[in-house]
Amino acid sequence: MLRPGGRVLLSAHEGVGTIERDEFLGKPVPFVATLFTLDEIEGVLRKLGLTIRRAERRAPYPTKHPTTRLYVEATTPPTNG
């Protein structure tokens, strides 16, 4: 649980569904990642009562995994009094 006035900083890969791989970072390990849309993330945070302060997308860097990155900052309500 976040304290009143607390802040959430979140980053994710944008997409729909999951990515499954048999290697990660050059190592042979099973890897499953769930992708989200910015609307999904914002919707969940709002349902939890948080206020979205900033939400943005960043295009992938040419040398990294080719998915758009999502960055969200949200805050909890401050205490009354």
PDB file of N, CA and C in Angstrom:
ATOM      1  N   MET A   1       0.840  -1.168   0.000  1.00  0.00           N
ATOM      2  CA  MET A   1       0.000   0.000   0.000  1.00  0.00           C
ATOM      3  C   MET A   1       0.892   1.241   0.000  1.00  0.00           C
ATOM      4  N   LEU A   2       0.484   2.232  -0.750  1.00  0.00           N
ATOM      5  CA  LEU A   2       1.211   3.503  -0.793  1.00  0.00           C
ATOM      6  C   LEU A   2       0.679   4.444   0.271  1.00  0.00           C
ATOM      7  N   ARG A   3       1.560   5.230   0.823  1.00  0.00           N
ATOM      8  CA  ARG A   3       1.138   6.219   1.804  1.00  0.00           C
ATOM      9  C   ARG A   3       0.383   7.346   1.086  1.00  0.00           C
ATOM     10  N   PRO A   4      -0.411   8.113   1.808  1.00  0.00           N
ATOM     11  CA  PRO A   4      -1.099   9.254   1.194  1.00  0.00           C
ATOM     12  C   PRO A   4      -0.083  10.210   0.565  1.00  0.00           C
ATOM     13  N   GLY A   5      -0.357  10.644  -0.638  1.00  0.00           N
ATOM     14  CA  GLY A   5       0.557  11.503  -1.368  1.00  0.00           C
ATOM     15  C   GLY A   5       1.725  10.757  -1.999  1.00  0.00           C
ATOM     16  N   GLY A   6       1.711   9.417  -1.934  1.00  0.00           N
ATOM     17  CA  GLY A   6       2.788   8.605  -2.498  1.00  0.00           C
ATOM     18  C   GLY A   6       2.797   8.638  -4.015  1.00  0.00           C
ATOM     19  N   ARG A   7       3.923   8.252  -4.588  1.00  0.00           N
ATOM     20  CA  ARG A   7       4.102   8.317  -6.036  1.00  0.00           C
ATOM     21  C   ARG A   7       4.443   6.945  -6.602  1.00  0.00           C
ATOM     22  N   VAL A   8       3.873   6.644  -7.764  1.00  0.00           N
ATOM     23  CA  VAL A   8       4.161   5.418  -8.512  1.00  0.00           C
ATOM     24  C   VAL A   8       4.849   5.826  -9.804  1.00  0.00           C
ATOM     25  N   LEU A   9       5.986   5.210 -10.084  1.00  0.00           N
ATOM     26  CA  LEU A   9       6.669   5.376 -11.362  1.00  0.00           C
ATOM     27  C   LEU A   9       6.672   4.012 -12.032  1.00  0.00           C
ATOM     28  N   LEU A  10       6.169   3.948 -13.257  1.00  0.00           N
ATOM     29  CA  LEU A  10       5.972   2.668 -13.909  1.00  0.00           C
ATOM     30  C   LEU A  10       6.497   2.731 -15.337  1.00  0.00           C
ATOM     31  N   SER A  11       7.115   1.649 -15.768  1.00  0.00           N
ATOM     32  CA  SER A  11       7.598   1.535 -17.139  1.00  0.00           C
ATOM     33  C   SER A  11       7.205   0.157 -17.666  1.00  0.00           C
ATOM     34  N   ALA A  12       6.806   0.099 -18.928  1.00  0.00           N
ATOM     35  CA  ALA A  12       6.407  -1.177 -19.526  1.00  0.00           C
ATOM     36  C   ALA A  12       6.623  -1.119 -21.032  1.00  0.00           C
ATOM     37  N   HIS A  13       6.611  -2.287 -21.660  1.00  0.00           N
ATOM     38  CA  HIS A  13       6.634  -2.385 -23.114  1.00  0.00           C
ATOM     39  C   HIS A  13       5.188  -2.358 -23.595  1.00  0.00           C
ATOM     40  N   GLU A  14       4.916  -1.564 -24.625  1.00  0.00           N
ATOM     41  CA  GLU A  14       3.545  -1.473 -25.133  1.00  0.00           C
ATOM     42  C   GLU A  14       3.265  -2.595 -26.123  1.00  0.00           C
ATOM     43  N   GLY A  15       2.051  -3.107 -26.045  1.00  0.00           N
ATOM     44  CA  GLY A  15       1.624  -4.143 -26.968  1.00  0.00           C
ATOM     45  C   GLY A  15       0.394  -4.845 -26.439  1.00  0.00           C
ATOM     46  N   VAL A  16       0.044  -5.932 -27.085  1.00  0.00           N
ATOM     47  CA  VAL A  16      -1.118  -6.724 -26.703  1.00  0.00           C
ATOM     48  C   VAL A  16      -0.672  -8.179 -26.610  1.00  0.00           C
ATOM     49  N   GLY A  17      -1.103  -8.854 -25.552  1.00  0.00           N
ATOM     50  CA  GLY A  17      -0.785 -10.266 -25.409  1.00  0.00           C
ATOM     51  C   GLY A  17       0.533 -10.500 -24.693  1.00  0.00           C
ATOM     52  N   THR A  18       1.186 -11.599 -25.048  1.00  0.00           N
ATOM     53  CA  THR A  18       2.429 -11.965 -24.385  1.00  0.00           C
ATOM     54  C   THR A  18       3.517 -12.264 -25.416  1.00  0.00           C
ATOM     55  N   ILE A  19       4.747 -12.176 -24.949  1.00  0.00           N
ATOM     56  CA  ILE A  19       5.916 -12.577 -25.735  1.00  0.00           C
ATOM     57  C   ILE A  19       6.524 -13.769 -25.014  1.00  0.00           C
ATOM     58  N   GLU A  20       6.794 -14.843 -25.752  1.00  0.00           N
ATOM     59  CA  GLU A  20       7.435 -16.019 -25.159  1.00  0.00           C
ATOM     60  C   GLU A  20       8.746 -16.282 -25.887  1.00  0.00           C
ATOM     61  N   ARG A  21       9.791 -16.486 -25.120  1.00  0.00           N
ATOM     62  CA  ARG A  21      11.116 -16.754 -25.676  1.00  0.00           C
ATOM     63  C   ARG A  21      11.774 -17.898 -24.907  1.00  0.00           C
ATOM     64  N   ASP A  22      12.750 -18.538 -25.554  1.00  0.00           N
ATOM     65  CA  ASP A  22      13.517 -19.607 -24.914  1.00  0.00           C
ATOM     66  C   ASP A  22      14.860 -19.113 -24.396  1.00  0.00           C
ATOM     67  N   GLU A  23      15.147 -17.826 -24.643  1.00  0.00           N
ATOM     68  CA  GLU A  23      16.387 -17.242 -24.116  1.00  0.00           C
ATOM     69  C   GLU A  23      16.115 -15.801 -23.732  1.00  0.00           C
ATOM     70  N   PHE A  24      16.903 -15.324 -22.772  1.00  0.00           N
ATOM     71  CA  PHE A  24      16.785 -13.944 -22.325  1.00  0.00           C
ATOM     72  C   PHE A  24      18.164 -13.438 -21.966  1.00  0.00           C
ATOM     73  N   LEU A  25      18.506 -12.291 -22.541  1.00  0.00           N
ATOM     74  CA  LEU A  25      19.823 -11.690 -22.318  1.00  0.00           C
ATOM     75  C   LEU A  25      20.957 -12.670 -22.631  1.00  0.00           C
ATOM     76  N   GLY A  26      20.761 -13.440 -23.697  1.00  0.00           N
ATOM     77  CA  GLY A  26      21.795 -14.358 -24.152  1.00  0.00           C
ATOM     78  C   GLY A  26      21.897 -15.653 -23.367  1.00  0.00           C
ATOM     79  N   LYS A  27      20.988 -15.890 -22.449  1.00  0.00           N
ATOM     80  CA  LYS A  27      21.017 -17.107 -21.630  1.00  0.00           C
ATOM     81  C   LYS A  27      19.815 -17.994 -21.984  1.00  0.00           C
ATOM     82  N   PRO A  28      19.998 -19.314 -21.985  1.00  0.00           N
ATOM     83  CA  PRO A  28      18.893 -20.223 -22.305  1.00  0.00           C
ATOM     84  C   PRO A  28      17.938 -20.400 -21.115  1.00  0.00           C
ATOM     85  N   VAL A  29      16.959 -19.525 -21.021  1.00  0.00           N
ATOM     86  CA  VAL A  29      15.953 -19.608 -19.964  1.00  0.00           C
ATOM     87  C   VAL A  29      14.585 -19.313 -20.566  1.00  0.00           C
ATOM     88  N   PRO A  30      13.548 -19.955 -20.049  1.00  0.00           N
ATOM     89  CA  PRO A  30      12.208 -19.611 -20.536  1.00  0.00           C
ATOM     90  C   PRO A  30      11.837 -18.209 -20.043  1.00  0.00           C
ATOM     91  N   PHE A  31      11.219 -17.437 -20.916  1.00  0.00           N
ATOM     92  CA  PHE A  31      10.871 -16.058 -20.591  1.00  0.00           C
ATOM     93  C   PHE A  31       9.502 -15.748 -21.165  1.00  0.00           C
ATOM     94  N   VAL A  32       8.613 -15.237 -20.343  1.00  0.00           N
ATOM     95  CA  VAL A  32       7.284 -14.818 -20.786  1.00  0.00           C
ATOM     96  C   VAL A  32       7.042 -13.409 -20.267  1.00  0.00           C
ATOM     97  N   ALA A  33       6.666 -12.493 -21.153  1.00  0.00           N
ATOM     98  CA  ALA A  33       6.378 -11.110 -20.763  1.00  0.00           C
ATOM     99  C   ALA A  33       4.982 -10.738 -21.249  1.00  0.00           C
ATOM    100  N   THR A  34       4.228 -10.092 -20.400  1.00  0.00           N
ATOM    101  CA  THR A  34       2.905  -9.598 -20.765  1.00  0.00           C
ATOM    102  C   THR A  34       3.032  -8.147 -21.204  1.00  0.00           C
ATOM    103  N   LEU A  35       2.437  -7.823 -22.341  1.00  0.00           N
ATOM    104  CA  LEU A  35       2.463  -6.465 -22.867  1.00  0.00           C
ATOM    105  C   LEU A  35       1.162  -5.745 -22.518  1.00  0.00           C
ATOM    106  N   PHE A  36       1.233  -4.425 -22.393  1.00  0.00           N
ATOM    107  CA  PHE A  36       0.066  -3.621 -22.034  1.00  0.00           C
ATOM    108  C   PHE A  36      -0.022  -2.398 -22.939  1.00  0.00           C
ATOM    109  N   THR A  37      -1.228  -1.854 -23.063  1.00  0.00           N
ATOM    110  CA  THR A  37      -1.396  -0.580 -23.748  1.00  0.00           C
ATOM    111  C   THR A  37      -1.370   0.523 -22.698  1.00  0.00           C
ATOM    112  N   LEU A  38      -1.100   1.733 -23.126  1.00  0.00           N
ATOM    113  CA  LEU A  38      -1.095   2.859 -22.204  1.00  0.00           C
ATOM    114  C   LEU A  38      -2.479   3.054 -21.592  1.00  0.00           C
ATOM    115  N   ASP A  39      -3.517   2.867 -22.391  1.00  0.00           N
ATOM    116  CA  ASP A  39      -4.888   2.987 -21.871  1.00  0.00           C
ATOM    117  C   ASP A  39      -5.165   1.971 -20.766  1.00  0.00           C
ATOM    118  N   GLU A  40      -4.683   0.751 -20.926  1.00  0.00           N
ATOM    119  CA  GLU A  40      -4.881  -0.268 -19.889  1.00  0.00           C
ATOM    120  C   GLU A  40      -4.219   0.137 -18.577  1.00  0.00           C
ATOM    121  N   ILE A  41      -2.973   0.583 -18.667  1.00  0.00           N
ATOM    122  CA  ILE A  41      -2.242   0.963 -17.456  1.00  0.00           C
ATOM    123  C   ILE A  41      -2.911   2.145 -16.766  1.00  0.00           C
ATOM    124  N   GLU A  42      -3.252   3.159 -17.552  1.00  0.00           N
ATOM    125  CA  GLU A  42      -3.913   4.330 -16.960  1.00  0.00           C
ATOM    126  C   GLU A  42      -5.249   3.945 -16.332  1.00  0.00           C
ATOM    127  N   GLY A  43      -5.999   3.078 -16.988  1.00  0.00           N
ATOM    128  CA  GLY A  43      -7.292   2.647 -16.458  1.00  0.00           C
ATOM    129  C   GLY A  43      -7.171   1.940 -15.122  1.00  0.00           C
ATOM    130  N   VAL A  44      -6.200   1.053 -14.999  1.00  0.00           N
ATOM    131  CA  VAL A  44      -5.995   0.329 -13.736  1.00  0.00           C
ATOM    132  C   VAL A  44      -5.585   1.295 -12.625  1.00  0.00           C
ATOM    133  N   LEU A  45      -4.664   2.198 -12.927  1.00  0.00           N
ATOM    134  CA  LEU A  45      -4.228   3.148 -11.907  1.00  0.00           C
ATOM    135  C   LEU A  45      -5.380   4.041 -11.446  1.00  0.00           C
ATOM    136  N   ARG A  46      -6.213   4.480 -12.375  1.00  0.00           N
ATOM    137  CA  ARG A  46      -7.372   5.308 -11.999  1.00  0.00           C
ATOM    138  C   ARG A  46      -8.368   4.508 -11.152  1.00  0.00           C
ATOM    139  N   LYS A  47      -8.601   3.249 -11.513  1.00  0.00           N
ATOM    140  CA  LYS A  47      -9.499   2.390 -10.711  1.00  0.00           C
ATOM    141  C   LYS A  47      -8.994   2.230  -9.288  1.00  0.00           C
ATOM    142  N   LEU A  48      -7.676   2.274  -9.123  1.00  0.00           N
ATOM    143  CA  LEU A  48      -7.070   2.165  -7.799  1.00  0.00           C
ATOM    144  C   LEU A  48      -7.096   3.492  -7.042  1.00  0.00           C
ATOM    145  N   GLY A  49      -7.636   4.531  -7.686  1.00  0.00           N
ATOM    146  CA  GLY A  49      -7.766   5.826  -7.031  1.00  0.00           C
ATOM    147  C   GLY A  49      -6.571   6.734  -7.191  1.00  0.00           C
ATOM    148  N   LEU A  50      -5.660   6.381  -8.089  1.00  0.00           N
ATOM    149  CA  LEU A  50      -4.481   7.214  -8.303  1.00  0.00           C
ATOM    150  C   LEU A  50      -4.759   8.279  -9.361  1.00  0.00           C
ATOM    151  N   THR A  51      -4.023   9.370  -9.288  1.00  0.00           N
ATOM    152  CA  THR A  51      -4.119  10.446 -10.268  1.00  0.00           C
ATOM    153  C   THR A  51      -2.919  10.335 -11.205  1.00  0.00           C
ATOM    154  N   ILE A  52      -3.182  10.302 -12.509  1.00  0.00           N
ATOM    155  CA  ILE A  52      -2.116  10.235 -13.499  1.00  0.00           C
ATOM    156  C   ILE A  52      -1.496  11.628 -13.619  1.00  0.00           C
ATOM    157  N   ARG A  53      -0.216  11.737 -13.341  1.00  0.00           N
ATOM    158  CA  ARG A  53       0.507  13.011 -13.450  1.00  0.00           C
ATOM    159  C   ARG A  53       1.182  13.148 -14.803  1.00  0.00           C
ATOM    160  N   ARG A  54       1.649  12.028 -15.332  1.00  0.00           N
ATOM    161  CA  ARG A  54       2.342  12.032 -16.616  1.00  0.00           C
ATOM    162  C   ARG A  54       2.246  10.645 -17.222  1.00  0.00           C
ATOM    163  N   ALA A  55       1.999  10.582 -18.516  1.00  0.00           N
ATOM    164  CA  ALA A  55       1.961   9.304 -19.231  1.00  0.00           C
ATOM    165  C   ALA A  55       2.475   9.558 -20.642  1.00  0.00           C
ATOM    166  N   GLU A  56       3.482   8.788 -21.036  1.00  0.00           N
ATOM    167  CA  GLU A  56       4.045   9.014 -22.364  1.00  0.00           C
ATOM    168  C   GLU A  56       4.585   7.731 -22.973  1.00  0.00           C
ATOM    169  N   ARG A  57       4.746   7.810 -24.290  1.00  0.00           N
ATOM    170  CA  ARG A  57       5.323   6.718 -25.071  1.00  0.00           C
ATOM    171  C   ARG A  57       6.688   7.146 -25.580  1.00  0.00           C
ATOM    172  N   ARG A  58       7.576   6.160 -25.739  1.00  0.00           N
ATOM    173  CA  ARG A  58       8.880   6.408 -26.355  1.00  0.00           C
ATOM    174  C   ARG A  58       9.117   5.334 -27.412  1.00  0.00           C
ATOM    175  N   ALA A  59       9.509   5.775 -28.582  1.00  0.00           N
ATOM    176  CA  ALA A  59       9.818   4.827 -29.660  1.00  0.00           C
ATOM    177  C   ALA A  59      11.029   3.982 -29.253  1.00  0.00           C
ATOM    178  N   PRO A  60      11.119   2.761 -29.763  1.00  0.00           N
ATOM    179  CA  PRO A  60      12.265   1.914 -29.406  1.00  0.00           C
ATOM    180  C   PRO A  60      13.573   2.478 -29.951  1.00  0.00           C
ATOM    181  N   TYR A  61      14.637   2.262 -29.188  1.00  0.00           N
ATOM    182  CA  TYR A  61      15.966   2.599 -29.685  1.00  0.00           C
ATOM    183  C   TYR A  61      16.352   1.561 -30.730  1.00  0.00           C
ATOM    184  N   PRO A  62      17.116   1.933 -31.749  1.00  0.00           N
ATOM    185  CA  PRO A  62      17.465   0.991 -32.823  1.00  0.00           C
ATOM    186  C   PRO A  62      18.188  -0.265 -32.345  1.00  0.00           C
ATOM    187  N   THR A  63      18.937  -0.180 -31.250  1.00  0.00           N
ATOM    188  CA  THR A  63      19.730  -1.332 -30.802  1.00  0.00           C
ATOM    189  C   THR A  63      19.032  -2.158 -29.732  1.00  0.00           C
ATOM    190  N   LYS A  64      17.799  -1.843 -29.391  1.00  0.00           N
ATOM    191  CA  LYS A  64      17.075  -2.548 -28.336  1.00  0.00           C
ATOM    192  C   LYS A  64      15.872  -3.288 -28.915  1.00  0.00           C
ATOM    193  N   HIS A  65      15.158  -3.992 -28.048  1.00  0.00           N
ATOM    194  CA  HIS A  65      13.958  -4.723 -28.467  1.00  0.00           C
ATOM    195  C   HIS A  65      12.968  -3.753 -29.131  1.00  0.00           C
ATOM    196  N   PRO A  66      12.404  -4.131 -30.271  1.00  0.00           N
ATOM    197  CA  PRO A  66      11.595  -3.186 -31.052  1.00  0.00           C
ATOM    198  C   PRO A  66      10.157  -2.992 -30.549  1.00  0.00           C
ATOM    199  N   THR A  67      10.011  -2.598 -29.300  1.00  0.00           N
ATOM    200  CA  THR A  67       8.683  -2.252 -28.806  1.00  0.00           C
ATOM    201  C   THR A  67       8.705  -0.835 -28.253  1.00  0.00           C
ATOM    202  N   THR A  68       7.557  -0.194 -28.331  1.00  0.00           N
ATOM    203  CA  THR A  68       7.412   1.144 -27.760  1.00  0.00           C
ATOM    204  C   THR A  68       7.405   1.024 -26.251  1.00  0.00           C
ATOM    205  N   ARG A  69       8.081   1.942 -25.577  1.00  0.00           N
ATOM    206  CA  ARG A  69       8.122   1.941 -24.111  1.00  0.00           C
ATOM    207  C   ARG A  69       7.083   2.899 -23.571  1.00  0.00           C
ATOM    208  N   LEU A  70       6.522   2.533 -22.444  1.00  0.00           N
ATOM    209  CA  LEU A  70       5.524   3.368 -21.762  1.00  0.00           C
ATOM    210  C   LEU A  70       6.089   3.813 -20.428  1.00  0.00           C
ATOM    211  N   TYR A  71       5.851   5.065 -20.090  1.00  0.00           N
ATOM    212  CA  TYR A  71       6.286   5.617 -18.810  1.00  0.00           C
ATOM    213  C   TYR A  71       5.105   6.341 -18.185  1.00  0.00           C
ATOM    214  N   VAL A  72       4.804   6.009 -16.933  1.00  0.00           N
ATOM    215  CA  VAL A  72       3.665   6.616 -16.243  1.00  0.00           C
ATOM    216  C   VAL A  72       4.088   7.036 -14.847  1.00  0.00           C
ATOM    217  N   GLU A  73       3.653   8.222 -14.465  1.00  0.00           N
ATOM    218  CA  GLU A  73       3.807   8.697 -13.089  1.00  0.00           C
ATOM    219  C   GLU A  73       2.408   8.971 -12.559  1.00  0.00           C
ATOM    220  N   ALA A  74       2.109   8.427 -11.385  1.00  0.00           N
ATOM    221  CA  ALA A  74       0.805   8.626 -10.759  1.00  0.00           C
ATOM    222  C   ALA A  74       0.996   8.841  -9.264  1.00  0.00           C
ATOM    223  N   THR A  75       0.022   9.491  -8.651  1.00  0.00           N
ATOM    224  CA  THR A  75       0.109   9.756  -7.209  1.00  0.00           C
ATOM    225  C   THR A  75      -1.178   9.340  -6.511  1.00  0.00           C
ATOM    226  N   THR A  76      -1.019   9.043  -5.219  1.00  0.00           N
ATOM    227  CA  THR A  76      -2.188   8.744  -4.395  1.00  0.00           C
ATOM    228  C   THR A  76      -2.722  10.053  -3.833  1.00  0.00           C
ATOM    229  N   PRO A  77      -3.984  10.075  -3.426  1.00  0.00           N
ATOM    230  CA  PRO A  77      -4.517  11.309  -2.858  1.00  0.00           C
ATOM    231  C   PRO A  77      -3.789  11.673  -1.562  1.00  0.00           C
ATOM    232  N   PRO A  78      -3.592  12.972  -1.314  1.00  0.00           N
ATOM    233  CA  PRO A  78      -2.975  13.380  -0.051  1.00  0.00           C
ATOM    234  C   PRO A  78      -3.955  13.181   1.100  1.00  0.00           C
ATOM    235  N   THR A  79      -3.451  13.194   2.313  1.00  0.00           N
ATOM    236  CA  THR A  79      -4.344  13.078   3.474  1.00  0.00           C
ATOM    237  C   THR A  79      -5.109  14.374   3.652  1.00  0.00           C
ATOM    238  N   ASN A  80      -6.274  14.273   4.230  1.00  0.00           N
ATOM    239  CA  ASN A  80      -7.080  15.459   4.538  1.00  0.00           C
ATOM    240  C   ASN A  80      -6.720  15.935   5.926  1.00  0.00           C
ATOM    241  N   GLY A  81      -6.236  17.158   6.016  1.00  0.00           N
ATOM    242  CA  GLY A  81      -5.971  17.740   7.321  1.00  0.00           C
ATOM    243  C   GLY A  81      -4.561  17.671   7.657  1.00  0.00           C
TER     244      GLY A  81
END
